[in-house]
Amino acid sequence: MTTLTIKDVPEPLAEHLRQRAARNHRSLQGELMSIIEQAARADAQAASTAPAIGARPLGGGTIVGMSAHGPIVRQGWKTIEQIHAELRAKYPEPIDSGPSSIELIREDRDSR
């Protein structure tokens, strides 16, 4: 069996767990094991009923993964073509002001 250790538990939380254990007629160790078992069962149940990655939820977007809090939904995906078109509309002409990268590299090299 594996041994788990939790360090620096705040005293109010530890006291709350001791009281909970007493109410449930368990030792503190038994109460903590019960809490961990419940969390593991809930996680396993959530994973078995989780929506498939790639599915589209009702609110839109795409499910790209799962976290402890539920599906990770990524909103607003754009294709490369859409991004290119937006940038072309925003910046129709290339920016010609300022030194070229070649000039900057030569200046940096020559300063050594």
PDB file of N, CA and C in Angstrom:
ATOM      1  N   MET A   1       0.828  -1.191   0.000  1.00  0.00           N
ATOM      2  CA  MET A   1       0.000   0.000   0.000  1.00  0.00           C
ATOM      3  C   MET A   1       0.866   1.246   0.000  1.00  0.00           C
ATOM      4  N   THR A   2       0.343   2.302  -0.559  1.00  0.00           N
ATOM      5  CA  THR A   2       1.035   3.583  -0.618  1.00  0.00           C
ATOM      6  C   THR A   2       0.692   4.421   0.613  1.00  0.00           C
ATOM      7  N   THR A   3       1.665   5.177   1.085  1.00  0.00           N
ATOM      8  CA  THR A   3       1.442   6.092   2.198  1.00  0.00           C
ATOM      9  C   THR A   3       1.429   7.511   1.654  1.00  0.00           C
ATOM     10  N   LEU A   4       0.401   8.269   2.003  1.00  0.00           N
ATOM     11  CA  LEU A   4       0.287   9.669   1.602  1.00  0.00           C
ATOM     12  C   LEU A   4       0.450  10.536   2.843  1.00  0.00           C
ATOM     13  N   THR A   5       1.130  11.652   2.696  1.00  0.00           N
ATOM     14  CA  THR A   5       1.326  12.581   3.796  1.00  0.00           C
ATOM     15  C   THR A   5       0.891  13.967   3.352  1.00  0.00           C
ATOM     16  N   ILE A   6       0.124  14.630   4.192  1.00  0.00           N
ATOM     17  CA  ILE A   6      -0.283  16.008   3.909  1.00  0.00           C
ATOM     18  C   ILE A   6       0.354  16.876   4.974  1.00  0.00           C
ATOM     19  N   LYS A   7       1.154  17.829   4.551  1.00  0.00           N
ATOM     20  CA  LYS A   7       1.858  18.705   5.481  1.00  0.00           C
ATOM     21  C   LYS A   7       1.161  20.050   5.587  1.00  0.00           C
ATOM     22  N   ASP A   8       1.406  20.720   6.700  1.00  0.00           N
ATOM     23  CA  ASP A   8       0.946  22.093   6.926  1.00  0.00           C
ATOM     24  C   ASP A   8      -0.571  22.254   6.789  1.00  0.00           C
ATOM     25  N   VAL A   9      -1.329  21.327   7.383  1.00  0.00           N
ATOM     26  CA  VAL A   9      -2.788  21.441   7.381  1.00  0.00           C
ATOM     27  C   VAL A   9      -3.171  22.505   8.403  1.00  0.00           C
ATOM     28  N   PRO A  10      -3.944  23.512   8.022  1.00  0.00           N
ATOM     29  CA  PRO A  10      -4.363  24.531   8.981  1.00  0.00           C
ATOM     30  C   PRO A  10      -5.160  23.895  10.124  1.00  0.00           C
ATOM     31  N   GLU A  11      -4.929  24.357  11.324  1.00  0.00           N
ATOM     32  CA  GLU A  11      -5.573  23.755  12.508  1.00  0.00           C
ATOM     33  C   GLU A  11      -7.097  23.767  12.422  1.00  0.00           C
ATOM     34  N   PRO A  12      -7.746  24.848  11.941  1.00  0.00           N
ATOM     35  CA  PRO A  12      -9.221  24.808  11.842  1.00  0.00           C
ATOM     36  C   PRO A  12      -9.706  23.688  10.916  1.00  0.00           C
ATOM     37  N   LEU A  13      -8.997  23.448   9.829  1.00  0.00           N
ATOM     38  CA  LEU A  13      -9.382  22.378   8.909  1.00  0.00           C
ATOM     39  C   LEU A  13      -9.174  21.015   9.557  1.00  0.00           C
ATOM     40  N   ALA A  14      -8.058  20.838  10.240  1.00  0.00           N
ATOM     41  CA  ALA A  14      -7.784  19.570  10.918  1.00  0.00           C
ATOM     42  C   ALA A  14      -8.854  19.298  11.978  1.00  0.00           C
ATOM     43  N   GLU A  15      -9.231  20.324  12.732  1.00  0.00           N
ATOM     44  CA  GLU A  15     -10.268  20.151  13.760  1.00  0.00           C
ATOM     45  C   GLU A  15     -11.607  19.795  13.125  1.00  0.00           C
ATOM     46  N   HIS A  16     -11.931  20.427  12.021  1.00  0.00           N
ATOM     47  CA  HIS A  16     -13.180  20.111  11.310  1.00  0.00           C
ATOM     48  C   HIS A  16     -13.174  18.642  10.873  1.00  0.00           C
ATOM     49  N   LEU A  17     -12.036  18.166  10.354  1.00  0.00           N
ATOM     50  CA  LEU A  17     -11.949  16.764   9.928  1.00  0.00           C
ATOM     51  C   LEU A  17     -12.046  15.813  11.123  1.00  0.00           C
ATOM     52  N   ARG A  18     -11.456  16.175  12.257  1.00  0.00           N
ATOM     53  CA  ARG A  18     -11.569  15.333  13.466  1.00  0.00           C
ATOM     54  C   ARG A  18     -13.029  15.225  13.905  1.00  0.00           C
ATOM     55  N   GLN A  19     -13.747  16.360  13.888  1.00  0.00           N
ATOM     56  CA  GLN A  19     -15.158  16.354  14.275  1.00  0.00           C
ATOM     57  C   GLN A  19     -15.997  15.536  13.305  1.00  0.00           C
ATOM     58  N   ARG A  20     -15.691  15.662  12.030  1.00  0.00           N
ATOM     59  CA  ARG A  20     -16.416  14.880  11.014  1.00  0.00           C
ATOM     60  C   ARG A  20     -16.176  13.394  11.223  1.00  0.00           C
ATOM     61  N   ALA A  21     -14.940  13.022  11.510  1.00  0.00           N
ATOM     62  CA  ALA A  21     -14.616  11.616  11.775  1.00  0.00           C
ATOM     63  C   ALA A  21     -15.393  11.110  12.984  1.00  0.00           C
ATOM     64  N   ALA A  22     -15.449  11.920  14.038  1.00  0.00           N
ATOM     65  CA  ALA A  22     -16.185  11.514  15.244  1.00  0.00           C
ATOM     66  C   ALA A  22     -17.668  11.331  14.941  1.00  0.00           C
ATOM     67  N   ARG A  23     -18.263  12.241  14.157  1.00  0.00           N
ATOM     68  CA  ARG A  23     -19.687  12.109  13.800  1.00  0.00           C
ATOM     69  C   ARG A  23     -19.956  10.827  13.028  1.00  0.00           C
ATOM     70  N   ASN A  24     -18.974  10.414  12.214  1.00  0.00           N
ATOM     71  CA  ASN A  24     -19.136   9.215  11.391  1.00  0.00           C
ATOM     72  C   ASN A  24     -18.580   7.955  12.065  1.00  0.00           C
ATOM     73  N   HIS A  25     -18.199   8.080  13.359  1.00  0.00           N
ATOM     74  CA  HIS A  25     -17.669   6.952  14.134  1.00  0.00           C
ATOM     75  C   HIS A  25     -16.466   6.314  13.455  1.00  0.00           C
ATOM     76  N   ARG A  26     -15.544   7.184  12.987  1.00  0.00           N
ATOM     77  CA  ARG A  26     -14.322   6.718  12.329  1.00  0.00           C
ATOM     78  C   ARG A  26     -13.131   7.395  12.977  1.00  0.00           C
ATOM     79  N   SER A  27     -11.968   6.802  12.747  1.00  0.00           N
ATOM     80  CA  SER A  27     -10.728   7.495  13.107  1.00  0.00           C
ATOM     81  C   SER A  27     -10.490   8.575  12.061  1.00  0.00           C
ATOM     82  N   LEU A  28      -9.567   9.485  12.352  1.00  0.00           N
ATOM     83  CA  LEU A  28      -9.232  10.508  11.372  1.00  0.00           C
ATOM     84  C   LEU A  28      -8.713   9.855  10.100  1.00  0.00           C
ATOM     85  N   GLN A  29      -7.871   8.837  10.250  1.00  0.00           N
ATOM     86  CA  GLN A  29      -7.341   8.108   9.094  1.00  0.00           C
ATOM     87  C   GLN A  29      -8.480   7.478   8.283  1.00  0.00           C
ATOM     88  N   GLY A  30      -9.446   6.869   8.965  1.00  0.00           N
ATOM     89  CA  GLY A  30     -10.584   6.254   8.276  1.00  0.00           C
ATOM     90  C   GLY A  30     -11.444   7.277   7.561  1.00  0.00           C
ATOM     91  N   GLU A  31     -11.612   8.444   8.184  1.00  0.00           N
ATOM     92  CA  GLU A  31     -12.408   9.504   7.550  1.00  0.00           C
ATOM     93  C   GLU A  31     -11.722  10.021   6.289  1.00  0.00           C
ATOM     94  N   LEU A  32     -10.425  10.236   6.387  1.00  0.00           N
ATOM     95  CA  LEU A  32      -9.684  10.704   5.212  1.00  0.00           C
ATOM     96  C   LEU A  32      -9.738   9.682   4.090  1.00  0.00           C
ATOM     97  N   MET A  33      -9.626   8.387   4.426  1.00  0.00           N
ATOM     98  CA  MET A  33      -9.708   7.338   3.400  1.00  0.00           C
ATOM     99  C   MET A  33     -11.085   7.348   2.744  1.00  0.00           C
ATOM    100  N   SER A  34     -12.134   7.557   3.537  1.00  0.00           N
ATOM    101  CA  SER A  34     -13.484   7.618   2.997  1.00  0.00           C
ATOM    102  C   SER A  34     -13.638   8.791   2.026  1.00  0.00           C
ATOM    103  N   ILE A  35     -13.093   9.952   2.403  1.00  0.00           N
ATOM    104  CA  ILE A  35     -13.167  11.137   1.538  1.00  0.00           C
ATOM    105  C   ILE A  35     -12.437  10.878   0.223  1.00  0.00           C
ATOM    106  N   ILE A  36     -11.264  10.262   0.298  1.00  0.00           N
ATOM    107  CA  ILE A  36     -10.489   9.970  -0.917  1.00  0.00           C
ATOM    108  C   ILE A  36     -11.233   8.969  -1.799  1.00  0.00           C
ATOM    109  N   GLU A  37     -11.823   7.923  -1.191  1.00  0.00           N
ATOM    110  CA  GLU A  37     -12.577   6.931  -1.965  1.00  0.00           C
ATOM    111  C   GLU A  37     -13.766   7.574  -2.673  1.00  0.00           C
ATOM    112  N   GLN A  38     -14.491   8.458  -1.966  1.00  0.00           N
ATOM    113  CA  GLN A  38     -15.635   9.136  -2.583  1.00  0.00           C
ATOM    114  C   GLN A  38     -15.195   9.997  -3.765  1.00  0.00           C
ATOM    115  N   ALA A  39     -14.089  10.704  -3.597  1.00  0.00           N
ATOM    116  CA  ALA A  39     -13.585  11.560  -4.674  1.00  0.00           C
ATOM    117  C   ALA A  39     -13.162  10.720  -5.875  1.00  0.00           C
ATOM    118  N   ALA A  40     -12.501   9.591  -5.624  1.00  0.00           N
ATOM    119  CA  ALA A  40     -12.054   8.731  -6.726  1.00  0.00           C
ATOM    120  C   ALA A  40     -13.251   8.130  -7.457  1.00  0.00           C
ATOM    121  N   ARG A  41     -14.275   7.700  -6.714  1.00  0.00           N
ATOM    122  CA  ARG A  41     -15.478   7.149  -7.355  1.00  0.00           C
ATOM    123  C   ARG A  41     -16.182   8.211  -8.197  1.00  0.00           C
ATOM    124  N   ALA A  42     -16.303   9.422  -7.651  1.00  0.00           N
ATOM    125  CA  ALA A  42     -16.974  10.506  -8.388  1.00  0.00           C
ATOM    126  C   ALA A  42     -16.201  10.845  -9.655  1.00  0.00           C
ATOM    127  N   ASP A  43     -14.864  10.850  -9.555  1.00  0.00           N
ATOM    128  CA  ASP A  43     -14.039  11.141 -10.727  1.00  0.00           C
ATOM    129  C   ASP A  43     -14.199  10.059 -11.786  1.00  0.00           C
ATOM    130  N   ALA A  44     -14.202   8.794 -11.355  1.00  0.00           N
ATOM    131  CA  ALA A  44     -14.361   7.683 -12.308  1.00  0.00           C
ATOM    132  C   ALA A  44     -15.726   7.739 -12.971  1.00  0.00           C
ATOM    133  N   GLN A  45     -16.751   8.079 -12.195  1.00  0.00           N
ATOM    134  CA  GLN A  45     -18.099   8.180 -12.758  1.00  0.00           C
ATOM    135  C   GLN A  45     -18.190   9.334 -13.751  1.00  0.00           C
ATOM    136  N   ALA A  46     -17.583  10.481 -13.415  1.00  0.00           N
ATOM    137  CA  ALA A  46     -17.601  11.634 -14.315  1.00  0.00           C
ATOM    138  C   ALA A  46     -16.864  11.310 -15.606  1.00  0.00           C
ATOM    139  N   ALA A  47     -15.762  10.571 -15.506  1.00  0.00           N
ATOM    140  CA  ALA A  47     -14.986  10.222 -16.696  1.00  0.00           C
ATOM    141  C   ALA A  47     -15.771   9.282 -17.596  1.00  0.00           C
ATOM    142  N   SER A  48     -16.561   8.386 -17.010  1.00  0.00           N
ATOM    143  CA  SER A  48     -17.312   7.423 -17.830  1.00  0.00           C
ATOM    144  C   SER A  48     -18.503   8.076 -18.524  1.00  0.00           C
ATOM    145  N   THR A  49     -18.998   9.189 -17.992  1.00  0.00           N
ATOM    146  CA  THR A  49     -20.141   9.870 -18.607  1.00  0.00           C
ATOM    147  C   THR A  49     -19.732  11.150 -19.319  1.00  0.00           C
ATOM    148  N   ALA A  50     -18.421  11.382 -19.439  1.00  0.00           N
ATOM    149  CA  ALA A  50     -17.929  12.617 -20.049  1.00  0.00           C
ATOM    150  C   ALA A  50     -18.197  12.626 -21.545  1.00  0.00           C
ATOM    151  N   PRO A  51     -18.448  13.794 -22.113  1.00  0.00           N
ATOM    152  CA  PRO A  51     -18.635  13.889 -23.561  1.00  0.00           C
ATOM    153  C   PRO A  51     -17.322  13.608 -24.285  1.00  0.00           C
ATOM    154  N   ALA A  52     -17.432  13.157 -25.498  1.00  0.00           N
ATOM    155  CA  ALA A  52     -16.246  12.810 -26.279  1.00  0.00           C
ATOM    156  C   ALA A  52     -15.483  14.061 -26.694  1.00  0.00           C
ATOM    157  N   ILE A  53     -14.157  13.928 -26.718  1.00  0.00           N
ATOM    158  CA  ILE A  53     -13.323  15.030 -27.193  1.00  0.00           C
ATOM    159  C   ILE A  53     -13.604  15.221 -28.680  1.00  0.00           C
ATOM    160  N   GLY A  54     -13.793  16.451 -29.083  1.00  0.00           N
ATOM    161  CA  GLY A  54     -14.138  16.751 -30.464  1.00  0.00           C
ATOM    162  C   GLY A  54     -15.625  17.009 -30.635  1.00  0.00           C
ATOM    163  N   ALA A  55     -16.424  16.662 -29.595  1.00  0.00           N
ATOM    164  CA  ALA A  55     -17.865  16.902 -29.665  1.00  0.00           C
ATOM    165  C   ALA A  55     -18.137  18.399 -29.565  1.00  0.00           C
ATOM    166  N   ARG A  56     -19.301  18.794 -30.002  1.00  0.00           N
ATOM    167  CA  ARG A  56     -19.687  20.199 -29.940  1.00  0.00           C
ATOM    168  C   ARG A  56     -20.793  20.356 -28.901  1.00  0.00           C
ATOM    169  N   PRO A  57     -20.499  21.053 -27.780  1.00  0.00           N
ATOM    170  CA  PRO A  57     -21.532  21.257 -26.759  1.00  0.00           C
ATOM    171  C   PRO A  57     -22.593  22.232 -27.244  1.00  0.00           C
ATOM    172  N   LEU A  58     -23.710  22.306 -26.512  1.00  0.00           N
ATOM    173  CA  LEU A  58     -24.820  23.165 -26.924  1.00  0.00           C
ATOM    174  C   LEU A  58     -24.430  24.623 -27.055  1.00  0.00           C
ATOM    175  N   GLY A  59     -23.507  25.102 -26.210  1.00  0.00           N
ATOM    176  CA  GLY A  59     -23.119  26.508 -26.233  1.00  0.00           C
ATOM    177  C   GLY A  59     -22.180  26.871 -27.362  1.00  0.00           C
ATOM    178  N   GLY A  60     -21.776  25.915 -28.180  1.00  0.00           N
ATOM    179  CA  GLY A  60     -20.832  26.176 -29.252  1.00  0.00           C
ATOM    180  C   GLY A  60     -19.428  25.803 -28.855  1.00  0.00           C
ATOM    181  N   GLY A  61     -18.463  25.995 -29.714  1.00  0.00           N
ATOM    182  CA  GLY A  61     -17.076  25.647 -29.431  1.00  0.00           C
ATOM    183  C   GLY A  61     -16.835  24.169 -29.679  1.00  0.00           C
ATOM    184  N   THR A  62     -15.680  23.699 -29.260  1.00  0.00           N
ATOM    185  CA  THR A  62     -15.304  22.301 -29.433  1.00  0.00           C
ATOM    186  C   THR A  62     -14.673  21.801 -28.154  1.00  0.00           C
ATOM    187  N   ILE A  63     -15.053  20.601 -27.712  1.00  0.00           N
ATOM    188  CA  ILE A  63     -14.445  20.006 -26.523  1.00  0.00           C
ATOM    189  C   ILE A  63     -13.069  19.495 -26.918  1.00  0.00           C
ATOM    190  N   VAL A  64     -12.028  20.035 -26.272  1.00  0.00           N
ATOM    191  CA  VAL A  64     -10.653  19.675 -26.620  1.00  0.00           C
ATOM    192  C   VAL A  64      -9.975  18.864 -25.527  1.00  0.00           C
ATOM    193  N   GLY A  65     -10.627  18.649 -24.402  1.00  0.00           N
ATOM    194  CA  GLY A  65     -10.043  17.873 -23.315  1.00  0.00           C
ATOM    195  C   GLY A  65     -10.960  17.888 -22.119  1.00  0.00           C
ATOM    196  N   MET A  66     -10.507  17.224 -21.052  1.00  0.00           N
ATOM    197  CA  MET A  66     -11.289  17.156 -19.831  1.00  0.00           C
ATOM    198  C   MET A  66     -10.425  17.607 -18.660  1.00  0.00           C
ATOM    199  N   SER A  67     -11.026  18.257 -17.685  1.00  0.00           N
ATOM    200  CA  SER A  67     -10.337  18.635 -16.461  1.00  0.00           C
ATOM    201  C   SER A  67     -11.171  18.132 -15.292  1.00  0.00           C
ATOM    202  N   ALA A  68     -10.686  18.350 -14.086  1.00  0.00           N
ATOM    203  CA  ALA A  68     -11.423  17.933 -12.898  1.00  0.00           C
ATOM    204  C   ALA A  68     -12.754  18.671 -12.797  1.00  0.00           C
ATOM    205  N   HIS A  69     -12.879  19.814 -13.463  1.00  0.00           N
ATOM    206  CA  HIS A  69     -14.087  20.630 -13.386  1.00  0.00           C
ATOM    207  C   HIS A  69     -15.030  20.397 -14.556  1.00  0.00           C
ATOM    208  N   GLY A  70     -14.681  19.494 -15.461  1.00  0.00           N
ATOM    209  CA  GLY A  70     -15.550  19.216 -16.592  1.00  0.00           C
ATOM    210  C   GLY A  70     -14.814  19.387 -17.905  1.00  0.00           C
ATOM    211  N   PRO A  71     -15.562  19.439 -19.004  1.00  0.00           N
ATOM    212  CA  PRO A  71     -14.917  19.534 -20.311  1.00  0.00           C
ATOM    213  C   PRO A  71     -14.232  20.878 -20.521  1.00  0.00           C
ATOM    214  N   ILE A  72     -13.112  20.832 -21.254  1.00  0.00           N
ATOM    215  CA  ILE A  72     -12.415  22.052 -21.649  1.00  0.00           C
ATOM    216  C   ILE A  72     -12.936  22.397 -23.037  1.00  0.00           C
ATOM    217  N   VAL A  73     -13.620  23.520 -23.145  1.00  0.00           N
ATOM    218  CA  VAL A  73     -14.229  23.918 -24.413  1.00  0.00           C
ATOM    219  C   VAL A  73     -13.445  25.091 -24.966  1.00  0.00           C
ATOM    220  N   ARG A  74     -12.967  24.933 -26.178  1.00  0.00           N
ATOM    221  CA  ARG A  74     -12.244  26.017 -26.830  1.00  0.00           C
ATOM    222  C   ARG A  74     -13.203  26.712 -27.773  1.00  0.00           C
ATOM    223  N   GLN A  75     -13.341  28.013 -27.574  1.00  0.00           N
ATOM    224  CA  GLN A  75     -14.251  28.818 -28.376  1.00  0.00           C
ATOM    225  C   GLN A  75     -13.489  29.521 -29.498  1.00  0.00           C
ATOM    226  N   GLY A  76     -14.162  29.821 -30.585  1.00  0.00           N
ATOM    227  CA  GLY A  76     -13.653  30.725 -31.597  1.00  0.00           C
ATOM    228  C   GLY A  76     -12.482  30.237 -32.415  1.00  0.00           C
ATOM    229  N   TRP A  77     -12.461  29.013 -32.809  1.00  0.00           N
ATOM    230  CA  TRP A  77     -11.375  28.542 -33.661  1.00  0.00           C
ATOM    231  C   TRP A  77     -11.468  29.211 -35.024  1.00  0.00           C
ATOM    232  N   LYS A  78     -10.310  29.579 -35.574  1.00  0.00           N
ATOM    233  CA  LYS A  78     -10.253  30.175 -36.901  1.00  0.00           C
ATOM    234  C   LYS A  78      -9.263  29.388 -37.733  1.00  0.00           C
ATOM    235  N   THR A  79      -9.521  29.342 -39.008  1.00  0.00           N
ATOM    236  CA  THR A  79      -8.570  28.698 -39.904  1.00  0.00           C
ATOM    237  C   THR A  79      -7.436  29.678 -40.202  1.00  0.00           C
ATOM    238  N   ILE A  80      -6.353  29.161 -40.714  1.00  0.00           N
ATOM    239  CA  ILE A  80      -5.219  30.005 -41.095  1.00  0.00           C
ATOM    240  C   ILE A  80      -5.656  31.020 -42.151  1.00  0.00           C
ATOM    241  N   GLU A  81      -6.508  30.591 -43.061  1.00  0.00           N
ATOM    242  CA  GLU A  81      -6.987  31.478 -44.116  1.00  0.00           C
ATOM    243  C   GLU A  81      -7.792  32.644 -43.547  1.00  0.00           C
ATOM    244  N   GLN A  82      -8.627  32.364 -42.518  1.00  0.00           N
ATOM    245  CA  GLN A  82      -9.409  33.426 -41.894  1.00  0.00           C
ATOM    246  C   GLN A  82      -8.504  34.429 -41.186  1.00  0.00           C
ATOM    247  N   ILE A  83      -7.503  33.939 -40.475  1.00  0.00           N
ATOM    248  CA  ILE A  83      -6.567  34.827 -39.790  1.00  0.00           C
ATOM    249  C   ILE A  83      -5.800  35.669 -40.798  1.00  0.00           C
ATOM    250  N   HIS A  84      -5.355  35.054 -41.894  1.00  0.00           N
ATOM    251  CA  HIS A  84      -4.630  35.774 -42.938  1.00  0.00           C
ATOM    252  C   HIS A  84      -5.486  36.881 -43.541  1.00  0.00           C
ATOM    253  N   ALA A  85      -6.748  36.570 -43.812  1.00  0.00           N
ATOM    254  CA  ALA A  85      -7.645  37.569 -44.396  1.00  0.00           C
ATOM    255  C   ALA A  85      -7.869  38.737 -43.434  1.00  0.00           C
ATOM    256  N   GLU A  86      -8.023  38.441 -42.131  1.00  0.00           N
ATOM    257  CA  GLU A  86      -8.204  39.513 -41.154  1.00  0.00           C
ATOM    258  C   GLU A  86      -6.972  40.413 -41.066  1.00  0.00           C
ATOM    259  N   LEU A  87      -5.795  39.814 -41.064  1.00  0.00           N
ATOM    260  CA  LEU A  87      -4.568  40.603 -40.982  1.00  0.00           C
ATOM    261  C   LEU A  87      -4.348  41.420 -42.253  1.00  0.00           C
ATOM    262  N   ARG A  88      -4.681  40.863 -43.408  1.00  0.00           N
ATOM    263  CA  ARG A  88      -4.569  41.610 -44.670  1.00  0.00           C
ATOM    264  C   ARG A  88      -5.497  42.811 -44.663  1.00  0.00           C
ATOM    265  N   ALA A  89      -6.711  42.631 -44.108  1.00  0.00           N
ATOM    266  CA  ALA A  89      -7.655  43.747 -44.044  1.00  0.00           C
ATOM    267  C   ALA A  89      -7.159  44.821 -43.073  1.00  0.00           C
ATOM    268  N   LYS A  90      -6.541  44.383 -41.982  1.00  0.00           N
ATOM    269  CA  LYS A  90      -6.055  45.327 -40.980  1.00  0.00           C
ATOM    270  C   LYS A  90      -4.781  46.034 -41.427  1.00  0.00           C
ATOM    271  N   TYR A  91      -3.905  45.309 -42.099  1.00  0.00           N
ATOM    272  CA  TYR A  91      -2.625  45.858 -42.568  1.00  0.00           C
ATOM    273  C   TYR A  91      -2.486  45.595 -44.068  1.00  0.00           C
ATOM    274  N   PRO A  92      -3.146  46.416 -44.911  1.00  0.00           N
ATOM    275  CA  PRO A  92      -3.132  46.141 -46.350  1.00  0.00           C
ATOM    276  C   PRO A  92      -1.759  46.341 -46.993  1.00  0.00           C
ATOM    277  N   GLU A  93      -0.975  47.236 -46.444  1.00  0.00           N
ATOM    278  CA  GLU A  93       0.346  47.504 -47.020  1.00  0.00           C
ATOM    279  C   GLU A  93       1.423  47.062 -46.029  1.00  0.00           C
ATOM    280  N   PRO A  94       2.533  46.537 -46.529  1.00  0.00           N
ATOM    281  CA  PRO A  94       3.621  46.170 -45.626  1.00  0.00           C
ATOM    282  C   PRO A  94       4.183  47.407 -44.930  1.00  0.00           C
ATOM    283  N   ILE A  95       4.704  47.223 -43.760  1.00  0.00           N
ATOM    284  CA  ILE A  95       5.293  48.323 -42.995  1.00  0.00           C
ATOM    285  C   ILE A  95       6.729  48.501 -43.474  1.00  0.00           C
ATOM    286  N   ASP A  96       7.013  49.670 -44.063  1.00  0.00           N
ATOM    287  CA  ASP A  96       8.340  49.919 -44.611  1.00  0.00           C
ATOM    288  C   ASP A  96       9.169  50.867 -43.749  1.00  0.00           C
ATOM    289  N   SER A  97       8.595  51.412 -42.711  1.00  0.00           N
ATOM    290  CA  SER A  97       9.355  52.359 -41.906  1.00  0.00           C
ATOM    291  C   SER A  97      10.289  51.610 -40.959  1.00  0.00           C
ATOM    292  N   GLY A  98      11.406  52.235 -40.636  1.00  0.00           N
ATOM    293  CA  GLY A  98      12.363  51.639 -39.715  1.00  0.00           C
ATOM    294  C   GLY A  98      13.428  50.851 -40.449  1.00  0.00           C
ATOM    295  N   PRO A  99      14.502  50.506 -39.738  1.00  0.00           N
ATOM    296  CA  PRO A  99      15.600  49.776 -40.373  1.00  0.00           C
ATOM    297  C   PRO A  99      15.214  48.329 -40.671  1.00  0.00           C
ATOM    298  N   SER A 100      15.885  47.737 -41.635  1.00  0.00           N
ATOM    299  CA  SER A 100      15.621  46.343 -41.964  1.00  0.00           C
ATOM    300  C   SER A 100      16.331  45.443 -40.954  1.00  0.00           C
ATOM    301  N   SER A 101      15.921  44.215 -40.896  1.00  0.00           N
ATOM    302  CA  SER A 101      16.539  43.270 -39.969  1.00  0.00           C
ATOM    303  C   SER A 101      18.007  43.055 -40.320  1.00  0.00           C
ATOM    304  N   ILE A 102      18.340  43.124 -41.610  1.00  0.00           N
ATOM    305  CA  ILE A 102      19.737  42.952 -42.041  1.00  0.00           C
ATOM    306  C   ILE A 102      20.596  44.077 -41.471  1.00  0.00           C
ATOM    307  N   GLU A 103      20.094  45.307 -41.547  1.00  0.00           N
ATOM    308  CA  GLU A 103      20.835  46.443 -41.000  1.00  0.00           C
ATOM    309  C   GLU A 103      21.024  46.310 -39.488  1.00  0.00           C
ATOM    310  N   LEU A 104      19.997  45.852 -38.790  1.00  0.00           N
ATOM    311  CA  LEU A 104      20.093  45.684 -37.335  1.00  0.00           C
ATOM    312  C   LEU A 104      21.117  44.611 -36.962  1.00  0.00           C
ATOM    313  N   ILE A 105      21.121  43.525 -37.696  1.00  0.00           N
ATOM    314  CA  ILE A 105      22.075  42.443 -37.418  1.00  0.00           C
ATOM    315  C   ILE A 105      23.498  42.907 -37.684  1.00  0.00           C
ATOM    316  N   ARG A 106      23.711  43.609 -38.811  1.00  0.00           N
ATOM    317  CA  ARG A 106      25.057  44.111 -39.125  1.00  0.00           C
ATOM    318  C   ARG A 106      25.534  45.101 -38.065  1.00  0.00           C
ATOM    319  N   GLU A 107      24.633  45.994 -37.626  1.00  0.00           N
ATOM    320  CA  GLU A 107      24.990  46.974 -36.610  1.00  0.00           C
ATOM    321  C   GLU A 107      25.378  46.284 -35.300  1.00  0.00           C
ATOM    322  N   ASP A 108      24.603  45.260 -34.927  1.00  0.00           N
ATOM    323  CA  ASP A 108      24.907  44.530 -33.696  1.00  0.00           C
ATOM    324  C   ASP A 108      26.244  43.789 -33.814  1.00  0.00           C
ATOM    325  N   ARG A 109      26.459  43.152 -34.959  1.00  0.00           N
ATOM    326  CA  ARG A 109      27.715  42.417 -35.193  1.00  0.00           C
ATOM    327  C   ARG A 109      28.915  43.343 -35.169  1.00  0.00           C
ATOM    328  N   ASP A 110      28.789  44.494 -35.807  1.00  0.00           N
ATOM    329  CA  ASP A 110      29.919  45.436 -35.906  1.00  0.00           C
ATOM    330  C   ASP A 110      30.194  46.127 -34.570  1.00  0.00           C
ATOM    331  N   SER A 111      29.255  46.134 -33.648  1.00  0.00           N
ATOM    332  CA  SER A 111      29.485  46.801 -32.373  1.00  0.00           C
ATOM    333  C   SER A 111      30.309  45.945 -31.409  1.00  0.00           C
ATOM    334  N   ARG A 112      30.586  44.721 -31.747  1.00  0.00           N
ATOM    335  CA  ARG A 112      31.346  43.825 -30.852  1.00  0.00           C
ATOM    336  C   ARG A 112      32.816  43.955 -31.032  1.00  0.00           C
TER     337      ARG A 112
END
